[in-house]
Amino acid sequence: MIARAQNPGTSSSHASSSAAKDVDIRGFEYPLQTVLQRQEWKVDRALAELARARQQLTHADLELQARHEAYDAQARATLNMTRQHLDPASHLRAIGYLAHLQALREHAQSERDARHAAWQAQRQHCASERLRLDGLQHHREEALAEYADEMRKRQANESDRDWLARVSVKHSALKEVRG
């Protein structure tokens, strides 16, 4: 789901493998690590809310389906009752009950529509939070790459100084032997 940092001050497994395999990154400290951590938490919370919104939408869908089925069953029963015998009082009660079921169905539809809108809004929120997290992770990877480049430069400079020192010592030793 979300790439987690192995150590708070070091790198995520994804970032360290792509940025600096040949460099010791233990000294790398990302200045926005706390911001990155908080953004990961925001994404986690947003995903949990999205799951709840999806669950509520599923429940609303099932409720709407049940209301449709109840209405359809009552409509069939009313039609069959009318075909079998024409009793105006019972027919009126059946029509009244059918109207009640229709009102429940419309309420379930509006509830489902509201849940769907909430789910869509939460999806958008999750996407925007994830985008922010991706931006922070990308920034962290760039900072790690810069750190690795700096460490490589330091190592190269150190190697050059060591080599120059060795060559200088050898050169002065040869002068003494010859001189």
N, C-alpha and C. Protein backbone atom coordinates (compact mmCIF):
# COMPACT_ATOMS: atom_id res chain seq x y z
N MET A 1 0.84 -1.18 0.00
CA MET A 1 0.00 0.00 0.00
C MET A 1 0.88 1.24 0.00
N ILE A 2 1.56 1.52 1.12
CA ILE A 2 2.39 2.70 1.24
C ILE A 2 3.79 2.25 1.61
N ALA A 3 4.79 2.80 0.91
CA ALA A 3 6.17 2.47 1.23
C ALA A 3 6.53 3.13 2.55
N ARG A 4 6.86 2.35 3.51
CA ARG A 4 7.20 2.85 4.85
C ARG A 4 8.71 3.01 4.98
N ALA A 5 9.11 3.96 5.78
CA ALA A 5 10.53 4.15 6.06
C ALA A 5 10.99 3.04 6.99
N GLN A 6 12.16 2.49 6.69
CA GLN A 6 12.70 1.45 7.55
C GLN A 6 13.14 2.04 8.87
N ASN A 7 13.77 3.18 8.82
CA ASN A 7 14.20 3.92 9.99
C ASN A 7 13.73 5.34 9.81
N PRO A 8 13.29 6.00 10.86
CA PRO A 8 12.77 7.35 10.70
C PRO A 8 13.74 8.29 10.01
N GLY A 9 15.02 8.19 10.27
CA GLY A 9 15.96 9.12 9.68
C GLY A 9 16.62 8.61 8.42
N THR A 10 16.31 7.39 8.01
CA THR A 10 16.97 6.84 6.83
C THR A 10 16.03 6.82 5.66
N SER A 11 16.08 5.77 4.89
CA SER A 11 15.35 5.78 3.65
C SER A 11 14.29 4.70 3.61
N SER A 12 13.34 4.89 2.72
CA SER A 12 12.40 3.81 2.47
C SER A 12 13.11 2.78 1.61
N SER A 13 12.63 1.56 1.65
CA SER A 13 13.29 0.49 0.91
C SER A 13 13.28 0.79 -0.58
N HIS A 14 12.22 1.39 -1.08
CA HIS A 14 12.09 1.71 -2.49
C HIS A 14 13.09 2.78 -2.88
N ALA A 15 13.20 3.83 -2.08
CA ALA A 15 14.06 4.95 -2.41
C ALA A 15 15.53 4.57 -2.30
N SER A 16 15.92 3.82 -1.28
CA SER A 16 17.32 3.49 -1.11
C SER A 16 17.80 2.55 -2.19
N SER A 17 16.96 1.65 -2.66
CA SER A 17 17.39 0.72 -3.68
C SER A 17 17.59 1.40 -5.02
N SER A 18 16.82 2.46 -5.29
CA SER A 18 16.92 3.10 -6.59
C SER A 18 17.93 4.23 -6.60
N ALA A 19 18.24 4.83 -5.45
CA ALA A 19 19.05 6.04 -5.44
C ALA A 19 20.52 5.78 -5.14
N ALA A 20 20.82 4.95 -4.18
CA ALA A 20 22.20 4.88 -3.71
C ALA A 20 22.57 3.49 -3.25
N LYS A 21 22.86 2.62 -4.18
CA LYS A 21 23.26 1.27 -3.80
C LYS A 21 24.72 1.24 -3.36
N ASP A 22 25.53 2.12 -3.92
CA ASP A 22 26.96 2.08 -3.68
C ASP A 22 27.43 3.05 -2.60
N VAL A 23 26.49 3.69 -1.91
CA VAL A 23 26.83 4.72 -0.93
C VAL A 23 26.21 4.37 0.41
N ASP A 24 26.96 4.63 1.47
CA ASP A 24 26.43 4.44 2.82
C ASP A 24 25.48 5.61 3.11
N ILE A 25 24.20 5.31 3.25
CA ILE A 25 23.20 6.37 3.43
C ILE A 25 22.76 6.50 4.87
N ARG A 26 23.48 5.88 5.78
CA ARG A 26 23.08 5.96 7.18
C ARG A 26 23.08 7.38 7.71
N GLY A 27 23.87 8.25 7.14
CA GLY A 27 23.93 9.63 7.59
C GLY A 27 22.86 10.52 6.98
N PHE A 28 22.10 9.98 6.08
CA PHE A 28 21.07 10.78 5.40
C PHE A 28 19.91 11.06 6.35
N GLU A 29 19.59 12.32 6.49
CA GLU A 29 18.43 12.73 7.28
C GLU A 29 17.55 13.60 6.40
N TYR A 30 16.35 13.13 6.17
CA TYR A 30 15.41 13.88 5.33
C TYR A 30 14.73 14.92 6.21
N PRO A 31 14.88 16.20 5.90
CA PRO A 31 14.32 17.25 6.77
C PRO A 31 12.80 17.24 6.85
N LEU A 32 12.14 16.69 5.85
CA LEU A 32 10.67 16.66 5.85
C LEU A 32 10.12 15.29 6.26
N GLN A 33 10.92 14.51 6.97
CA GLN A 33 10.49 13.16 7.34
C GLN A 33 9.20 13.18 8.17
N THR A 34 9.07 14.12 9.09
CA THR A 34 7.85 14.18 9.90
C THR A 34 6.65 14.55 9.04
N VAL A 35 6.87 15.43 8.06
CA VAL A 35 5.78 15.80 7.15
C VAL A 35 5.39 14.59 6.31
N LEU A 36 6.39 13.86 5.84
CA LEU A 36 6.13 12.64 5.06
C LEU A 36 5.36 11.63 5.89
N GLN A 37 5.77 11.46 7.14
CA GLN A 37 5.09 10.51 8.03
C GLN A 37 3.63 10.91 8.24
N ARG A 38 3.42 12.21 8.51
CA ARG A 38 2.05 12.68 8.71
C ARG A 38 1.21 12.48 7.46
N GLN A 39 1.82 12.69 6.29
CA GLN A 39 1.08 12.50 5.04
C GLN A 39 0.74 11.02 4.84
N GLU A 40 1.64 10.12 5.22
CA GLU A 40 1.33 8.70 5.15
C GLU A 40 0.13 8.38 6.04
N TRP A 41 0.10 8.98 7.23
CA TRP A 41 -1.03 8.76 8.13
C TRP A 41 -2.31 9.32 7.53
N LYS A 42 -2.23 10.48 6.89
CA LYS A 42 -3.42 11.06 6.26
C LYS A 42 -3.94 10.14 5.16
N VAL A 43 -3.03 9.57 4.39
CA VAL A 43 -3.45 8.64 3.33
C VAL A 43 -4.10 7.41 3.95
N ASP A 44 -3.50 6.89 5.01
CA ASP A 44 -4.08 5.72 5.69
C ASP A 44 -5.49 6.03 6.20
N ARG A 45 -5.65 7.21 6.82
CA ARG A 45 -6.98 7.60 7.32
C ARG A 45 -7.96 7.77 6.17
N ALA A 46 -7.51 8.39 5.10
CA ALA A 46 -8.38 8.61 3.94
C ALA A 46 -8.80 7.27 3.33
N LEU A 47 -7.88 6.32 3.27
CA LEU A 47 -8.22 4.99 2.74
C LEU A 47 -9.21 4.27 3.65
N ALA A 48 -9.04 4.43 4.96
CA ALA A 48 -9.99 3.82 5.89
C ALA A 48 -11.37 4.45 5.73
N GLU A 49 -11.40 5.77 5.57
CA GLU A 49 -12.69 6.45 5.34
C GLU A 49 -13.30 6.01 4.01
N LEU A 50 -12.47 5.82 3.01
CA LEU A 50 -12.97 5.35 1.71
C LEU A 50 -13.58 3.96 1.85
N ALA A 51 -12.94 3.11 2.62
CA ALA A 51 -13.48 1.76 2.85
C ALA A 51 -14.82 1.84 3.56
N ARG A 52 -14.92 2.73 4.56
CA ARG A 52 -16.20 2.91 5.27
C ARG A 52 -17.28 3.45 4.32
N ALA A 53 -16.89 4.41 3.49
CA ALA A 53 -17.86 4.97 2.53
C ALA A 53 -18.30 3.90 1.54
N ARG A 54 -17.38 3.05 1.12
CA ARG A 54 -17.74 1.97 0.20
C ARG A 54 -18.67 0.97 0.88
N GLN A 55 -18.40 0.68 2.14
CA GLN A 55 -19.26 -0.23 2.90
C GLN A 55 -20.66 0.35 3.04
N GLN A 56 -20.75 1.64 3.33
CA GLN A 56 -22.05 2.30 3.44
C GLN A 56 -22.77 2.31 2.10
N LEU A 57 -22.02 2.52 1.02
CA LEU A 57 -22.63 2.49 -0.31
C LEU A 57 -23.15 1.09 -0.63
N THR A 58 -22.39 0.07 -0.29
CA THR A 58 -22.84 -1.31 -0.51
C THR A 58 -24.10 -1.59 0.28
N HIS A 59 -24.12 -1.13 1.53
CA HIS A 59 -25.31 -1.31 2.37
C HIS A 59 -26.52 -0.58 1.75
N ALA A 60 -26.30 0.62 1.26
CA ALA A 60 -27.39 1.38 0.63
C ALA A 60 -27.86 0.69 -0.65
N ASP A 61 -26.93 0.11 -1.41
CA ASP A 61 -27.31 -0.65 -2.61
C ASP A 61 -28.18 -1.85 -2.26
N LEU A 62 -27.78 -2.56 -1.21
CA LEU A 62 -28.55 -3.73 -0.78
C LEU A 62 -29.93 -3.32 -0.28
N GLU A 63 -29.98 -2.22 0.46
CA GLU A 63 -31.26 -1.70 0.96
C GLU A 63 -32.17 -1.30 -0.20
N LEU A 64 -31.60 -0.63 -1.19
CA LEU A 64 -32.39 -0.23 -2.36
C LEU A 64 -32.89 -1.46 -3.12
N GLN A 65 -32.03 -2.44 -3.28
CA GLN A 65 -32.44 -3.67 -3.96
C GLN A 65 -33.58 -4.34 -3.20
N ALA A 66 -33.48 -4.39 -1.88
CA ALA A 66 -34.54 -5.01 -1.07
C ALA A 66 -35.84 -4.22 -1.23
N ARG A 67 -35.76 -2.89 -1.26
CA ARG A 67 -36.97 -2.07 -1.44
C ARG A 67 -37.60 -2.31 -2.81
N HIS A 68 -36.77 -2.43 -3.82
CA HIS A 68 -37.29 -2.73 -5.16
C HIS A 68 -37.99 -4.09 -5.19
N GLU A 69 -37.34 -5.07 -4.57
CA GLU A 69 -37.93 -6.42 -4.56
C GLU A 69 -39.24 -6.44 -3.78
N ALA A 70 -39.30 -5.74 -2.65
CA ALA A 70 -40.54 -5.69 -1.86
C ALA A 70 -41.65 -5.00 -2.65
N TYR A 71 -41.30 -3.91 -3.32
CA TYR A 71 -42.29 -3.20 -4.13
C TYR A 71 -42.81 -4.09 -5.26
N ASP A 72 -41.87 -4.73 -5.98
CA ASP A 72 -42.26 -5.59 -7.10
C ASP A 72 -43.13 -6.76 -6.63
N ALA A 73 -42.76 -7.36 -5.50
CA ALA A 73 -43.55 -8.48 -4.97
C ALA A 73 -44.96 -8.01 -4.59
N GLN A 74 -45.06 -6.84 -3.94
CA GLN A 74 -46.37 -6.32 -3.55
C GLN A 74 -47.19 -5.94 -4.79
N ALA A 75 -46.53 -5.39 -5.81
CA ALA A 75 -47.25 -5.03 -7.04
C ALA A 75 -47.82 -6.28 -7.70
N ARG A 76 -47.02 -7.35 -7.74
CA ARG A 76 -47.53 -8.61 -8.32
C ARG A 76 -48.68 -9.15 -7.49
N ALA A 77 -48.55 -9.11 -6.18
CA ALA A 77 -49.61 -9.62 -5.30
C ALA A 77 -50.89 -8.80 -5.47
N THR A 78 -50.75 -7.49 -5.59
CA THR A 78 -51.91 -6.63 -5.79
C THR A 78 -52.58 -6.93 -7.12
N LEU A 79 -51.78 -7.13 -8.15
CA LEU A 79 -52.33 -7.45 -9.47
C LEU A 79 -53.05 -8.80 -9.43
N ASN A 80 -52.45 -9.80 -8.78
CA ASN A 80 -53.09 -11.11 -8.67
C ASN A 80 -54.39 -11.02 -7.88
N MET A 81 -54.37 -10.22 -6.79
CA MET A 81 -55.57 -10.07 -5.97
C MET A 81 -56.69 -9.42 -6.78
N THR A 82 -56.33 -8.45 -7.58
CA THR A 82 -57.33 -7.77 -8.40
C THR A 82 -57.91 -8.71 -9.44
N ARG A 83 -57.11 -9.59 -9.99
CA ARG A 83 -57.59 -10.52 -11.00
C ARG A 83 -58.50 -11.59 -10.37
N GLN A 84 -58.20 -11.97 -9.12
CA GLN A 84 -58.97 -13.04 -8.50
C GLN A 84 -60.34 -12.55 -8.03
N HIS A 85 -60.39 -11.47 -7.32
CA HIS A 85 -61.68 -10.94 -6.89
C HIS A 85 -61.55 -9.43 -6.72
N LEU A 86 -62.58 -8.76 -7.00
CA LEU A 86 -62.57 -7.31 -6.94
C LEU A 86 -63.23 -6.85 -5.65
N ASP A 87 -62.39 -6.62 -4.63
CA ASP A 87 -62.87 -6.09 -3.35
C ASP A 87 -62.29 -4.69 -3.23
N PRO A 88 -63.09 -3.67 -3.37
CA PRO A 88 -62.58 -2.29 -3.38
C PRO A 88 -61.83 -1.90 -2.11
N ALA A 89 -62.25 -2.35 -0.94
CA ALA A 89 -61.59 -1.96 0.31
C ALA A 89 -60.19 -2.57 0.39
N SER A 90 -60.08 -3.86 0.09
CA SER A 90 -58.76 -4.49 0.15
C SER A 90 -57.87 -3.97 -0.98
N HIS A 91 -58.45 -3.67 -2.12
CA HIS A 91 -57.69 -3.11 -3.24
C HIS A 91 -57.14 -1.74 -2.84
N LEU A 92 -57.93 -0.94 -2.17
CA LEU A 92 -57.51 0.38 -1.73
C LEU A 92 -56.37 0.27 -0.70
N ARG A 93 -56.49 -0.69 0.22
CA ARG A 93 -55.41 -0.91 1.19
C ARG A 93 -54.13 -1.36 0.49
N ALA A 94 -54.26 -2.24 -0.48
CA ALA A 94 -53.09 -2.74 -1.22
C ALA A 94 -52.42 -1.60 -1.99
N ILE A 95 -53.23 -0.74 -2.61
CA ILE A 95 -52.68 0.41 -3.34
C ILE A 95 -52.00 1.38 -2.35
N GLY A 96 -52.60 1.58 -1.19
CA GLY A 96 -51.99 2.44 -0.16
C GLY A 96 -50.65 1.88 0.31
N TYR A 97 -50.61 0.56 0.50
CA TYR A 97 -49.36 -0.08 0.92
C TYR A 97 -48.32 0.02 -0.20
N LEU A 98 -48.76 -0.12 -1.43
CA LEU A 98 -47.86 0.01 -2.57
C LEU A 98 -47.28 1.43 -2.64
N ALA A 99 -48.11 2.42 -2.35
CA ALA A 99 -47.64 3.81 -2.33
C ALA A 99 -46.61 3.99 -1.20
N HIS A 100 -46.86 3.36 -0.07
CA HIS A 100 -45.90 3.41 1.05
C HIS A 100 -44.57 2.77 0.64
N LEU A 101 -44.63 1.61 -0.02
CA LEU A 101 -43.42 0.95 -0.48
C LEU A 101 -42.68 1.80 -1.52
N GLN A 102 -43.43 2.49 -2.37
CA GLN A 102 -42.82 3.38 -3.35
C GLN A 102 -42.07 4.52 -2.65
N ALA A 103 -42.67 5.07 -1.60
CA ALA A 103 -42.01 6.14 -0.84
C ALA A 103 -40.73 5.61 -0.18
N LEU A 104 -40.79 4.40 0.36
CA LEU A 104 -39.59 3.80 0.95
C LEU A 104 -38.52 3.56 -0.11
N ARG A 105 -38.94 3.16 -1.28
CA ARG A 105 -38.01 2.92 -2.38
C ARG A 105 -37.35 4.23 -2.81
N GLU A 106 -38.13 5.29 -2.90
CA GLU A 106 -37.56 6.59 -3.27
C GLU A 106 -36.59 7.10 -2.20
N HIS A 107 -36.95 6.87 -0.95
CA HIS A 107 -36.04 7.27 0.14
C HIS A 107 -34.74 6.46 0.06
N ALA A 108 -34.85 5.17 -0.19
CA ALA A 108 -33.66 4.32 -0.31
C ALA A 108 -32.81 4.76 -1.51
N GLN A 109 -33.46 5.19 -2.59
CA GLN A 109 -32.72 5.67 -3.77
C GLN A 109 -31.97 6.96 -3.45
N SER A 110 -32.64 7.88 -2.75
CA SER A 110 -31.97 9.13 -2.40
C SER A 110 -30.82 8.87 -1.41
N GLU A 111 -31.03 7.93 -0.49
CA GLU A 111 -29.96 7.56 0.45
C GLU A 111 -28.78 6.95 -0.31
N ARG A 112 -29.07 6.11 -1.27
CA ARG A 112 -28.03 5.48 -2.08
C ARG A 112 -27.28 6.54 -2.89
N ASP A 113 -28.01 7.49 -3.46
CA ASP A 113 -27.36 8.56 -4.22
C ASP A 113 -26.45 9.40 -3.34
N ALA A 114 -26.90 9.68 -2.12
CA ALA A 114 -26.07 10.45 -1.18
C ALA A 114 -24.82 9.66 -0.80
N ARG A 115 -24.98 8.37 -0.56
CA ARG A 115 -23.82 7.52 -0.22
C ARG A 115 -22.84 7.44 -1.39
N HIS A 116 -23.38 7.37 -2.59
CA HIS A 116 -22.52 7.31 -3.77
C HIS A 116 -21.74 8.62 -3.92
N ALA A 117 -22.40 9.74 -3.70
CA ALA A 117 -21.72 11.04 -3.78
C ALA A 117 -20.63 11.14 -2.71
N ALA A 118 -20.93 10.65 -1.51
CA ALA A 118 -19.93 10.67 -0.43
C ALA A 118 -18.74 9.78 -0.78
N TRP A 119 -19.02 8.64 -1.38
CA TRP A 119 -17.95 7.73 -1.78
C TRP A 119 -17.08 8.37 -2.86
N GLN A 120 -17.73 9.03 -3.84
CA GLN A 120 -16.97 9.70 -4.90
C GLN A 120 -16.10 10.81 -4.32
N ALA A 121 -16.66 11.59 -3.41
CA ALA A 121 -15.89 12.67 -2.78
C ALA A 121 -14.71 12.10 -2.01
N GLN A 122 -14.91 10.99 -1.31
CA GLN A 122 -13.82 10.38 -0.55
C GLN A 122 -12.76 9.81 -1.50
N ARG A 123 -13.18 9.30 -2.63
CA ARG A 123 -12.21 8.82 -3.63
C ARG A 123 -11.33 9.97 -4.10
N GLN A 124 -11.96 11.13 -4.36
CA GLN A 124 -11.21 12.31 -4.78
C GLN A 124 -10.24 12.74 -3.68
N HIS A 125 -10.72 12.73 -2.44
CA HIS A 125 -9.88 13.11 -1.31
C HIS A 125 -8.68 12.16 -1.20
N CYS A 126 -8.93 10.87 -1.33
CA CYS A 126 -7.85 9.88 -1.28
C CYS A 126 -6.83 10.14 -2.39
N ALA A 127 -7.33 10.41 -3.58
CA ALA A 127 -6.44 10.66 -4.71
C ALA A 127 -5.57 11.89 -4.46
N SER A 128 -6.16 12.95 -3.93
CA SER A 128 -5.37 14.16 -3.68
C SER A 128 -4.36 13.94 -2.56
N GLU A 129 -4.75 13.22 -1.50
CA GLU A 129 -3.80 12.92 -0.42
C GLU A 129 -2.68 12.02 -0.92
N ARG A 130 -3.02 11.06 -1.76
CA ARG A 130 -2.02 10.16 -2.32
C ARG A 130 -1.06 10.93 -3.23
N LEU A 131 -1.60 11.89 -3.97
CA LEU A 131 -0.77 12.71 -4.84
C LEU A 131 0.23 13.52 -4.01
N ARG A 132 -0.23 14.07 -2.90
CA ARG A 132 0.68 14.81 -2.01
C ARG A 132 1.77 13.88 -1.47
N LEU A 133 1.37 12.68 -1.07
CA LEU A 133 2.34 11.71 -0.56
C LEU A 133 3.35 11.34 -1.65
N ASP A 134 2.86 11.10 -2.85
CA ASP A 134 3.77 10.76 -3.95
C ASP A 134 4.76 11.88 -4.20
N GLY A 135 4.28 13.12 -4.12
CA GLY A 135 5.17 14.27 -4.30
C GLY A 135 6.25 14.32 -3.23
N LEU A 136 5.86 14.09 -1.99
CA LEU A 136 6.84 14.07 -0.90
C LEU A 136 7.83 12.92 -1.06
N GLN A 137 7.33 11.75 -1.45
CA GLN A 137 8.23 10.62 -1.64
C GLN A 137 9.20 10.87 -2.79
N HIS A 138 8.70 11.50 -3.85
CA HIS A 138 9.57 11.85 -4.98
C HIS A 138 10.64 12.86 -4.52
N HIS A 139 10.21 13.85 -3.75
CA HIS A 139 11.16 14.84 -3.22
C HIS A 139 12.22 14.16 -2.35
N ARG A 140 11.79 13.22 -1.54
CA ARG A 140 12.71 12.49 -0.67
C ARG A 140 13.72 11.69 -1.50
N GLU A 141 13.24 11.05 -2.55
CA GLU A 141 14.13 10.29 -3.42
C GLU A 141 15.15 11.21 -4.08
N GLU A 142 14.70 12.39 -4.50
CA GLU A 142 15.63 13.35 -5.10
C GLU A 142 16.66 13.82 -4.07
N ALA A 143 16.21 14.09 -2.84
CA ALA A 143 17.13 14.50 -1.78
C ALA A 143 18.13 13.39 -1.49
N LEU A 144 17.66 12.15 -1.48
CA LEU A 144 18.55 11.02 -1.25
C LEU A 144 19.56 10.88 -2.39
N ALA A 145 19.12 11.08 -3.61
CA ALA A 145 20.03 11.01 -4.77
C ALA A 145 21.08 12.11 -4.68
N GLU A 146 20.67 13.31 -4.27
CA GLU A 146 21.63 14.40 -4.10
C GLU A 146 22.63 14.05 -2.99
N TYR A 147 22.14 13.50 -1.91
CA TYR A 147 23.01 13.09 -0.80
C TYR A 147 24.01 12.04 -1.29
N ALA A 148 23.52 11.07 -2.05
CA ALA A 148 24.39 10.00 -2.56
C ALA A 148 25.44 10.59 -3.50
N ASP A 149 25.05 11.52 -4.35
CA ASP A 149 26.01 12.18 -5.24
C ASP A 149 27.08 12.91 -4.44
N GLU A 150 26.65 13.62 -3.42
CA GLU A 150 27.59 14.35 -2.56
C GLU A 150 28.55 13.37 -1.87
N MET A 151 28.03 12.24 -1.39
CA MET A 151 28.89 11.25 -0.74
C MET A 151 29.88 10.65 -1.74
N ARG A 152 29.44 10.42 -2.97
CA ARG A 152 30.35 9.90 -4.01
C ARG A 152 31.45 10.90 -4.29
N LYS A 153 31.09 12.19 -4.37
CA LYS A 153 32.10 13.23 -4.61
C LYS A 153 33.10 13.27 -3.46
N ARG A 154 32.61 13.20 -2.23
CA ARG A 154 33.50 13.20 -1.08
C ARG A 154 34.45 12.00 -1.10
N GLN A 155 33.88 10.83 -1.43
CA GLN A 155 34.71 9.62 -1.50
C GLN A 155 35.75 9.74 -2.60
N ALA A 156 35.37 10.30 -3.74
CA ALA A 156 36.31 10.48 -4.85
C ALA A 156 37.40 11.47 -4.46
N ASN A 157 37.04 12.57 -3.82
CA ASN A 157 38.02 13.55 -3.38
C ASN A 157 38.98 12.95 -2.35
N GLU A 158 38.43 12.16 -1.44
CA GLU A 158 39.25 11.50 -0.43
C GLU A 158 40.21 10.51 -1.08
N SER A 159 39.72 9.77 -2.04
CA SER A 159 40.58 8.82 -2.76
C SER A 159 41.67 9.56 -3.51
N ASP A 160 41.32 10.68 -4.13
CA ASP A 160 42.33 11.47 -4.85
C ASP A 160 43.40 11.99 -3.89
N ARG A 161 43.01 12.50 -2.72
CA ARG A 161 43.97 13.00 -1.73
C ARG A 161 44.88 11.87 -1.24
N ASP A 162 44.28 10.71 -1.00
CA ASP A 162 45.09 9.55 -0.57
C ASP A 162 46.10 9.16 -1.64
N TRP A 163 45.64 9.14 -2.87
CA TRP A 163 46.53 8.75 -3.97
C TRP A 163 47.66 9.77 -4.11
N LEU A 164 47.30 11.07 -4.06
CA LEU A 164 48.32 12.12 -4.17
C LEU A 164 49.32 12.03 -3.02
N ALA A 165 48.83 11.73 -1.82
CA ALA A 165 49.73 11.59 -0.68
C ALA A 165 50.66 10.41 -0.87
N ARG A 166 50.17 9.29 -1.36
CA ARG A 166 51.02 8.12 -1.59
C ARG A 166 52.04 8.39 -2.69
N VAL A 167 51.59 9.04 -3.75
CA VAL A 167 52.51 9.35 -4.85
C VAL A 167 53.58 10.34 -4.36
N SER A 168 53.19 11.30 -3.55
CA SER A 168 54.13 12.28 -3.03
C SER A 168 55.17 11.61 -2.14
N VAL A 169 54.72 10.69 -1.29
CA VAL A 169 55.64 9.97 -0.40
C VAL A 169 56.59 9.12 -1.22
N LYS A 170 56.11 8.43 -2.23
CA LYS A 170 56.96 7.59 -3.09
C LYS A 170 57.96 8.47 -3.83
N HIS A 171 57.48 9.61 -4.33
CA HIS A 171 58.34 10.49 -5.10
C HIS A 171 59.45 11.07 -4.22
N SER A 172 59.13 11.48 -3.00
CA SER A 172 60.17 12.02 -2.12
C SER A 172 61.11 10.91 -1.65
N ALA A 173 60.62 9.70 -1.50
CA ALA A 173 61.48 8.58 -1.11
C ALA A 173 62.46 8.26 -2.24
N LEU A 174 62.02 8.35 -3.47
CA LEU A 174 62.90 8.08 -4.62
C LEU A 174 63.97 9.18 -4.72
N LYS A 175 63.61 10.42 -4.41
CA LYS A 175 64.57 11.52 -4.45
C LYS A 175 65.67 11.31 -3.41
N GLU A 176 65.27 10.83 -2.24
CA GLU A 176 66.25 10.61 -1.17
C GLU A 176 67.17 9.47 -1.54
N VAL A 177 66.64 8.44 -2.14
CA VAL A 177 67.46 7.29 -2.52
C VAL A 177 68.43 7.70 -3.62
N ARG A 178 68.04 8.49 -4.55
CA ARG A 178 68.85 8.90 -5.68
C ARG A 178 69.81 10.01 -5.27
N GLY A 179 69.40 10.78 -4.33
CA GLY A 179 70.14 11.98 -4.00
C GLY A 179 71.23 11.83 -3.09
